[in-house]
């Protein structure tokens, strides 16, 4: 669903504010909110007395008639004589203060309450105007937040356009790709031909390095790999065993049930375990962050990676010292975030025009919000 038009949101807010002010003026003319609420409450109470007792009080039951008269008298006596439309309540009381009551008397009482009903109707209008204004203000605030996000995105695009988009970013990309492909291959090799215990040791060692974010293995699986003889098998073999029937599995492990409980139930974890926590992100981080990442990666990779992989990692680490790293990095980030469409919009001036529009829309909506009262 598309975002609401800021101008439509502004118009709705203005209309809601105007309606709120109009009804507030009527409330002030009527004596203020407290007086209107008091009159409306008294009106609804009197109407409930009429509606709830008409049948019994007009019938043959004398006791019901007496109780109704007392309720009406008590209600009227409880009202402040300064209450707006007080005379309407007295007139309604008089209409049903008779020795014998008929339906026409009740209807006359309802008609006598008409001036008080206007206050009840005004209160409904007032509460509706408050709700409308609250909703309109909330929508305006939400749209302002959205405009802020859109403005920040347009400003970000313009900033990216300041990068040297023709810079030879392959001087960064190629070493990153060589290392990432190499470490991914080493982890696959470890899963195929190393022991599961060895791989889990690598994951455990990574806990000391915050930037190497391996997901810890489930506790029971880790204990099983560490303690059972089958932990000397590779992860690939364990996954293969997990597909065997119990009878076939009994030829390979001492306790087929234990393997099923610990390996088969954690198949997803074992299958997804890969080198991604050791891969350098691209577009690349700033030079200092890259050095720190490579230092942590090297501490973990030294436990299992080939010399070629470690050399590729050292080449990545040296990039901030051997290249115009920040210029190349900014270009790489810009190219990745902009894409072909973004570059075309920058060149055509569409981004700058959109930014001007967003700022103007935000200013208009912000002014309308500042001018609108708070209910």
Protein backbone atom coordinates (compact mmCIF):
# COMPACT_ATOMS: atom_id res chain seq x y z
CA UNK A 1 0.00 0.00 0.00
CA UNK A 2 1.40 3.38 -1.01
CA UNK A 3 2.16 6.03 1.61
CA UNK A 4 -0.52 8.72 2.07
CA UNK A 5 0.00 11.96 0.18
CA UNK A 6 1.46 14.57 2.60
CA UNK A 7 -0.83 17.24 1.16
CA UNK A 8 -3.88 15.06 1.79
CA UNK A 9 -2.69 14.45 5.35
CA UNK A 10 -2.20 18.20 5.83
CA UNK A 11 -5.66 19.04 4.49
CA UNK A 12 -7.25 16.43 6.72
CA UNK A 13 -5.41 17.84 9.74
CA UNK A 14 -6.52 21.39 8.87
CA UNK A 15 -10.16 20.30 8.51
CA UNK A 16 -10.01 18.40 11.79
CA UNK A 17 -8.48 21.41 13.55
CA UNK A 18 -11.15 23.74 12.13
CA UNK A 19 -13.94 21.39 13.24
CA UNK A 20 -12.40 21.09 16.67
CA UNK A 21 -12.21 24.87 17.04
CA UNK A 22 -15.79 25.30 15.84
CA UNK A 23 -17.18 22.82 18.34
CA UNK A 24 -14.95 24.18 21.09
CA UNK A 25 -16.50 27.61 20.46
CA UNK A 26 -19.96 26.10 20.89
CA UNK A 27 -18.82 24.36 24.06
CA UNK A 28 -17.55 27.67 25.44
CA UNK A 29 -20.82 29.38 24.55
CA UNK A 30 -22.69 26.58 26.31
CA UNK A 31 -20.82 27.13 29.56
CA UNK A 32 -17.72 25.02 29.10
CA UNK A 33 -17.00 21.31 28.98
CA UNK A 34 -17.78 20.65 32.63
CA UNK A 35 -21.22 22.23 32.37
CA UNK A 36 -21.99 20.44 29.09
CA UNK A 37 -20.91 17.08 30.51
CA UNK A 38 -23.00 17.66 33.62
CA UNK A 39 -26.08 18.52 31.60
CA UNK A 40 -25.56 15.60 29.22
CA UNK A 41 -25.16 13.19 32.13
CA UNK A 42 -28.30 14.51 33.82
CA UNK A 43 -30.21 14.22 30.54
CA UNK A 44 -29.19 10.59 29.96
CA UNK A 45 -30.08 9.69 33.55
CA UNK A 46 -33.54 11.27 33.20
CA UNK A 47 -34.11 9.50 29.88
CA UNK A 48 -33.18 6.17 31.44
CA UNK A 49 -35.70 6.81 34.21
CA UNK A 50 -38.39 7.53 31.64
CA UNK A 51 -37.58 4.65 29.33
CA UNK A 52 -37.07 2.13 32.11
CA UNK A 53 -40.22 2.90 34.12
CA UNK A 54 -42.87 3.92 31.60
CA UNK A 55 -44.56 0.56 31.38
CA UNK A 56 -44.67 -0.12 35.11
CA UNK A 57 -45.54 3.44 36.19
CA UNK A 58 -48.47 3.73 33.75
CA UNK A 59 -49.86 0.35 34.70
CA UNK A 60 -51.96 -0.69 37.65
CA UNK A 61 -49.04 -1.11 40.06
CA UNK A 62 -49.25 1.67 42.66
CA UNK A 63 -45.90 0.74 44.21
CA UNK A 64 -44.12 1.10 40.84
CA UNK A 65 -45.75 4.50 40.38
CA UNK A 66 -44.54 5.70 43.81
CA UNK A 67 -40.99 4.43 43.26
CA UNK A 68 -40.81 6.17 39.88
CA UNK A 69 -42.00 9.47 41.33
CA UNK A 70 -39.37 9.23 44.06
CA UNK A 71 -36.57 8.46 41.59
CA UNK A 72 -37.50 11.43 39.40
CA UNK A 73 -37.77 13.76 42.40
CA UNK A 74 -34.43 12.59 43.79
CA UNK A 75 -32.75 13.11 40.45
CA UNK A 76 -34.18 16.60 39.92
CA UNK A 77 -33.37 17.62 43.49
CA UNK A 78 -29.76 16.51 43.03
CA UNK A 79 -29.20 18.90 40.15
CA UNK A 80 -27.50 22.25 40.60
CA UNK A 81 -29.86 25.06 39.67
CA UNK A 82 -26.99 26.70 37.77
CA UNK A 83 -26.80 23.71 35.44
CA UNK A 84 -27.53 24.67 31.82
CA UNK A 85 -31.06 23.70 30.78
CA UNK A 86 -32.06 23.24 34.43
CA UNK A 87 -35.53 24.48 33.55
CA UNK A 88 -35.90 21.56 31.12
CA UNK A 89 -35.43 19.06 33.92
CA UNK A 90 -37.98 20.84 36.11
CA UNK A 91 -40.44 20.88 33.20
CA UNK A 92 -39.90 17.16 32.61
CA UNK A 93 -40.39 16.53 36.33
CA UNK A 94 -43.65 18.49 36.26
CA UNK A 95 -44.84 16.50 33.24
CA UNK A 96 -44.75 13.23 35.18
CA UNK A 97 -45.66 14.66 38.60
CA UNK A 98 -49.33 13.63 38.41
CA UNK A 99 -51.69 11.41 40.33
CA UNK A 100 -52.10 9.18 37.33
CA UNK A 101 -49.65 8.73 34.46
CA UNK A 102 -50.18 7.86 30.82
CA UNK A 103 -47.89 7.34 27.89
CA UNK A 104 -48.62 10.91 26.75
CA UNK A 105 -47.18 12.22 30.02
CA UNK A 106 -43.95 10.39 29.39
CA UNK A 107 -43.84 11.74 25.86
CA UNK A 108 -44.40 15.25 27.19
CA UNK A 109 -41.49 14.76 29.61
CA UNK A 110 -39.24 13.70 26.76
CA UNK A 111 -40.23 16.77 24.76
CA UNK A 112 -39.55 18.95 27.79
CA UNK A 113 -36.00 17.54 27.92
CA UNK A 114 -35.26 18.73 24.37
CA UNK A 115 -33.10 21.71 25.49
CA UNK A 116 -31.00 19.37 27.62
CA UNK A 117 -30.71 16.93 24.73
CA UNK A 118 -28.96 19.64 22.72
CA UNK A 119 -26.16 19.60 25.30
CA UNK A 120 -25.92 15.82 25.05
CA UNK A 121 -25.72 16.09 21.26
CA UNK A 122 -23.08 18.81 21.58
CA UNK A 123 -21.00 16.55 23.81
CA UNK A 124 -21.16 13.81 21.17
CA UNK A 125 -19.96 16.34 18.59
CA UNK A 126 -17.17 17.46 20.89
CA UNK A 127 -15.88 13.97 21.57
CA UNK A 128 -16.06 13.14 17.87
CA UNK A 129 -14.09 16.31 17.04
CA UNK A 130 -11.48 15.37 19.66
CA UNK A 131 -11.12 11.86 18.22
CA UNK A 132 -10.91 13.19 14.68
CA UNK A 133 -8.20 15.68 15.63
CA UNK A 134 -6.19 13.09 17.58
CA UNK A 135 -6.30 10.73 14.61
CA UNK A 136 -5.35 13.49 12.17
CA UNK A 137 -2.43 14.59 14.37
CA UNK A 138 -1.27 10.99 14.71
CA UNK A 139 -1.40 10.50 10.93
CA UNK A 140 0.53 13.75 10.46
CA UNK A 141 3.22 12.68 12.91
CA UNK A 142 3.50 9.29 11.19
CA UNK A 143 3.81 10.97 7.81
CA UNK A 144 6.46 13.35 9.17
CA UNK A 145 8.47 10.34 10.32
CA UNK A 146 8.11 8.79 6.87
CA UNK A 147 9.15 12.04 5.20
CA UNK A 148 12.20 12.19 7.45
CA UNK A 149 13.16 8.68 6.34
CA UNK A 150 12.60 9.51 2.69
CA UNK A 151 14.57 12.74 3.04
CA UNK A 152 17.46 10.93 4.70
CA UNK A 153 17.46 8.38 1.90
CA UNK A 154 17.53 11.11 -0.78
CA UNK A 155 20.32 12.91 1.06
CA UNK A 156 22.21 9.62 1.30
CA UNK A 157 21.88 9.13 -2.46
CA UNK A 158 23.25 12.61 -3.11
CA UNK A 159 26.16 11.92 -0.77
CA UNK A 160 26.87 8.68 -2.62
CA UNK A 161 26.89 10.66 -5.83
CA UNK A 162 29.90 12.55 -4.52
CA UNK A 163 31.97 9.35 -4.62
CA UNK A 164 34.30 8.63 -7.52
CA UNK A 165 32.05 6.16 -9.30
CA UNK A 166 34.74 5.49 -11.93
CA UNK A 167 37.32 4.42 -9.34
CA UNK A 168 38.90 0.95 -9.93
CA UNK A 169 36.95 -0.81 -7.17
CA UNK A 170 38.16 -4.19 -8.45
CA UNK A 171 41.38 -3.48 -6.55
CA UNK A 172 39.32 -4.14 -3.42
CA UNK A 173 36.70 -6.51 -4.76
CA UNK A 174 39.08 -9.08 -6.24
CA UNK A 175 41.17 -9.68 -3.07
CA UNK A 176 37.97 -9.87 -1.01
CA UNK A 177 36.49 -12.45 -3.36
CA UNK A 178 39.69 -14.53 -3.41
CA UNK A 179 39.83 -14.74 0.36
CA UNK A 180 36.09 -15.36 0.82
CA UNK A 181 36.07 -18.14 -1.77
CA UNK A 182 39.18 -19.70 -0.23
CA UNK A 183 37.92 -19.72 3.36
CA UNK A 184 34.54 -21.05 2.22
CA UNK A 185 36.32 -23.92 0.45
CA UNK A 186 38.39 -24.67 3.58
CA UNK A 187 35.32 -24.91 5.78
CA UNK A 188 33.61 -27.17 3.24
CA UNK A 189 36.71 -29.36 3.26
CA UNK A 190 36.69 -29.46 7.05
CA UNK A 191 33.04 -30.51 7.03
CA UNK A 192 33.76 -33.24 4.47
CA UNK A 193 37.04 -34.68 5.71
CA UNK A 194 37.84 -33.24 9.14
CA UNK A 195 36.24 -34.52 12.30
CA UNK A 196 33.08 -32.96 13.69
CA UNK A 197 34.98 -32.51 16.93
CA UNK A 198 37.62 -30.44 15.15
CA UNK A 199 35.02 -28.26 13.49
CA UNK A 200 33.24 -27.68 16.79
CA UNK A 201 36.59 -26.72 18.33
CA UNK A 202 36.92 -24.02 15.68
CA UNK A 203 33.43 -22.73 16.50
CA UNK A 204 34.26 -22.76 20.22
CA UNK A 205 37.53 -20.88 19.63
CA UNK A 206 35.60 -18.17 17.76
CA UNK A 207 33.74 -17.29 20.96
CA UNK A 208 36.79 -15.26 22.00
CA UNK A 209 36.46 -13.05 18.91
CA UNK A 210 33.27 -10.93 18.81
CA UNK A 211 33.47 -10.28 15.05
CA UNK A 212 33.52 -14.00 14.24
CA UNK A 213 29.86 -14.66 14.86
CA UNK A 214 29.40 -18.40 14.61
CA UNK A 215 26.15 -19.70 16.03
CA UNK A 216 26.94 -21.98 18.97
CA UNK A 217 25.95 -25.63 18.49
CA UNK A 218 23.06 -26.94 20.59
CA UNK A 219 24.43 -28.00 23.99
CA UNK A 220 23.48 -31.69 23.77
CA UNK A 221 24.88 -31.97 20.25
CA UNK A 222 28.17 -30.38 21.35
CA UNK A 223 28.43 -32.80 24.30
CA UNK A 224 27.69 -35.77 22.05
CA UNK A 225 30.34 -34.80 19.49
CA UNK A 226 32.88 -34.21 22.24
CA UNK A 227 32.26 -37.44 24.16
CA UNK A 228 31.09 -40.08 21.66
CA UNK A 229 33.54 -41.96 19.43
CA UNK A 230 31.50 -40.95 16.41
CA UNK A 231 32.64 -37.37 17.03
CA UNK A 232 35.80 -38.35 15.15
CA UNK A 233 33.73 -38.68 12.00
CA UNK A 234 33.16 -35.70 9.72
CA UNK A 235 30.02 -33.60 9.76
CA UNK A 236 29.26 -34.87 6.26
CA UNK A 237 29.42 -38.44 7.56
CA UNK A 238 27.22 -37.66 10.55
CA UNK A 239 24.61 -36.16 8.26
CA UNK A 240 24.80 -39.24 6.07
CA UNK A 241 24.36 -41.49 9.11
CA UNK A 242 21.30 -39.48 10.16
CA UNK A 243 19.52 -40.71 7.02
CA UNK A 244 20.21 -44.40 7.75
CA UNK A 245 17.65 -46.75 9.20
CA UNK A 246 18.29 -47.94 12.75
CA UNK A 247 19.27 -51.39 11.47
CA UNK A 248 21.76 -50.05 8.94
CA UNK A 249 23.10 -47.48 11.43
CA UNK A 250 23.86 -50.21 13.95
CA UNK A 251 26.67 -51.39 11.65
CA UNK A 252 28.43 -48.04 11.97
CA UNK A 253 27.85 -46.75 15.52
CA UNK A 254 27.46 -48.35 18.90
CA UNK A 255 24.31 -46.44 19.87
CA UNK A 256 22.09 -45.69 16.85
CA UNK A 257 19.42 -44.11 19.07
CA UNK A 258 21.86 -41.59 20.52
CA UNK A 259 23.00 -40.52 17.05
CA UNK A 260 19.41 -40.08 15.91
CA UNK A 261 18.54 -38.05 19.00
CA UNK A 262 21.52 -35.72 18.73
CA UNK A 263 22.34 -35.52 15.01
CA UNK A 264 19.07 -36.09 13.18
CA UNK A 265 17.29 -33.51 15.33
CA UNK A 266 20.03 -30.95 14.63
CA UNK A 267 20.39 -31.58 10.93
CA UNK A 268 19.59 -27.95 10.04
CA UNK A 269 22.36 -26.58 12.28
CA UNK A 270 24.96 -28.95 10.87
CA UNK A 271 23.90 -28.38 7.27
CA UNK A 272 23.97 -24.58 7.63
CA UNK A 273 27.33 -24.42 9.37
CA UNK A 274 29.58 -22.63 6.87
CA UNK A 275 32.30 -20.00 6.54
CA UNK A 276 30.04 -16.96 6.41
CA UNK A 277 31.13 -15.71 9.89
CA UNK A 278 34.72 -15.64 8.57
CA UNK A 279 33.99 -13.93 5.26
CA UNK A 280 34.87 -10.25 4.85
CA UNK A 281 31.78 -8.19 3.96
CA UNK A 282 31.65 -6.33 0.67
CA UNK A 283 31.22 -3.41 0.18
CA UNK A 284 34.07 -3.20 2.69
CA UNK A 285 34.15 -1.55 6.13
CA UNK A 286 36.44 1.36 6.93
CA UNK A 287 40.15 0.65 7.09
CA UNK A 288 40.48 0.37 10.87
CA UNK A 289 37.51 -1.98 11.12
CA UNK A 290 38.93 -4.08 8.29
CA UNK A 291 42.28 -4.45 10.08
CA UNK A 292 40.54 -5.51 13.27
CA UNK A 293 38.29 -7.98 11.46
CA UNK A 294 41.23 -9.56 9.67
CA UNK A 295 43.11 -9.89 12.95
CA UNK A 296 40.23 -11.83 14.50
CA UNK A 297 39.65 -13.89 11.35
CA UNK A 298 43.33 -14.84 11.25
CA UNK A 299 43.24 -16.05 14.87
CA UNK A 300 40.46 -18.48 14.00
CA UNK A 301 41.61 -19.42 10.48
CA UNK A 302 45.06 -20.37 11.78
CA UNK A 303 43.40 -23.44 13.34
CA UNK A 304 42.33 -25.01 10.05
CA UNK A 305 42.82 -22.88 6.91
CA UNK A 306 45.34 -23.52 4.16
CA UNK A 307 48.39 -21.34 3.66
CA UNK A 308 46.82 -20.00 0.46
CA UNK A 309 43.77 -18.85 2.41
CA UNK A 310 45.89 -17.21 5.10
CA UNK A 311 47.92 -15.43 2.42
CA UNK A 312 44.70 -14.18 0.81
CA UNK A 313 43.57 -12.89 4.19
CA UNK A 314 46.88 -11.05 4.69
CA UNK A 315 46.44 -9.47 1.27
CA UNK A 316 43.02 -8.20 2.32
CA UNK A 317 44.42 -6.83 5.57
CA UNK A 318 47.12 -4.89 3.71
CA UNK A 319 44.66 -3.08 1.43
CA UNK A 320 44.27 0.02 3.65
CA UNK A 321 48.07 0.45 3.58
CA UNK A 322 48.69 -0.34 -0.06
CA UNK A 323 45.76 1.33 -1.86
CA UNK A 324 43.81 4.56 -1.82
CA UNK A 325 41.48 2.58 0.37
CA UNK A 326 38.90 5.14 1.53
CA UNK A 327 38.34 6.51 -1.97
CA UNK A 328 37.92 2.98 -3.34
CA UNK A 329 35.74 1.96 -0.43
CA UNK A 330 33.43 4.96 -0.87
CA UNK A 331 33.12 4.15 -4.56
CA UNK A 332 32.36 0.48 -3.79
CA UNK A 333 29.69 1.43 -1.27
CA UNK A 334 28.17 3.95 -3.65
CA UNK A 335 28.05 1.54 -6.56
CA UNK A 336 26.51 -1.19 -4.43
CA UNK A 337 23.84 1.03 -2.89
CA UNK A 338 22.99 3.08 -5.95
CA UNK A 339 22.67 0.44 -8.59
CA UNK A 340 22.10 1.37 -12.21
CA UNK A 341 18.74 3.03 -11.56
CA UNK A 342 20.13 5.15 -8.74
CA UNK A 343 23.00 6.37 -10.88
CA UNK A 344 20.60 7.35 -13.65
CA UNK A 345 18.41 9.29 -11.19
CA UNK A 346 21.44 11.14 -9.88
CA UNK A 347 22.65 12.06 -13.35
CA UNK A 348 19.18 13.21 -14.43
CA UNK A 349 18.72 15.41 -11.34
CA UNK A 350 15.67 13.46 -10.17
CA UNK A 351 17.14 12.84 -6.72
CA UNK A 352 17.84 16.53 -6.11
CA UNK A 353 14.35 17.45 -7.28
CA UNK A 354 12.81 14.79 -5.06
CA UNK A 355 14.77 16.09 -2.08
CA UNK A 356 13.45 19.61 -2.65
CA UNK A 357 9.91 18.27 -2.86
CA UNK A 358 10.26 16.21 0.32
CA UNK A 359 11.63 19.17 2.27
CA UNK A 360 8.81 21.43 1.08
CA UNK A 361 6.16 18.84 1.95
CA UNK A 362 7.67 18.33 5.37
CA UNK A 363 7.78 22.06 6.10
CA UNK A 364 4.12 22.51 5.12
CA UNK A 365 2.97 19.55 7.17
CA UNK A 366 5.08 20.57 10.15
CA UNK A 367 3.61 24.08 10.07
CA UNK A 368 0.08 22.67 9.96
CA UNK A 369 0.83 20.40 12.89
CA UNK A 370 2.27 23.28 14.92
CA UNK A 371 -0.84 25.37 14.19
CA UNK A 372 -3.29 22.61 15.10
CA UNK A 373 -4.49 22.49 18.73
CA UNK A 374 -3.83 19.45 20.89
CA UNK A 375 -7.06 17.87 22.18
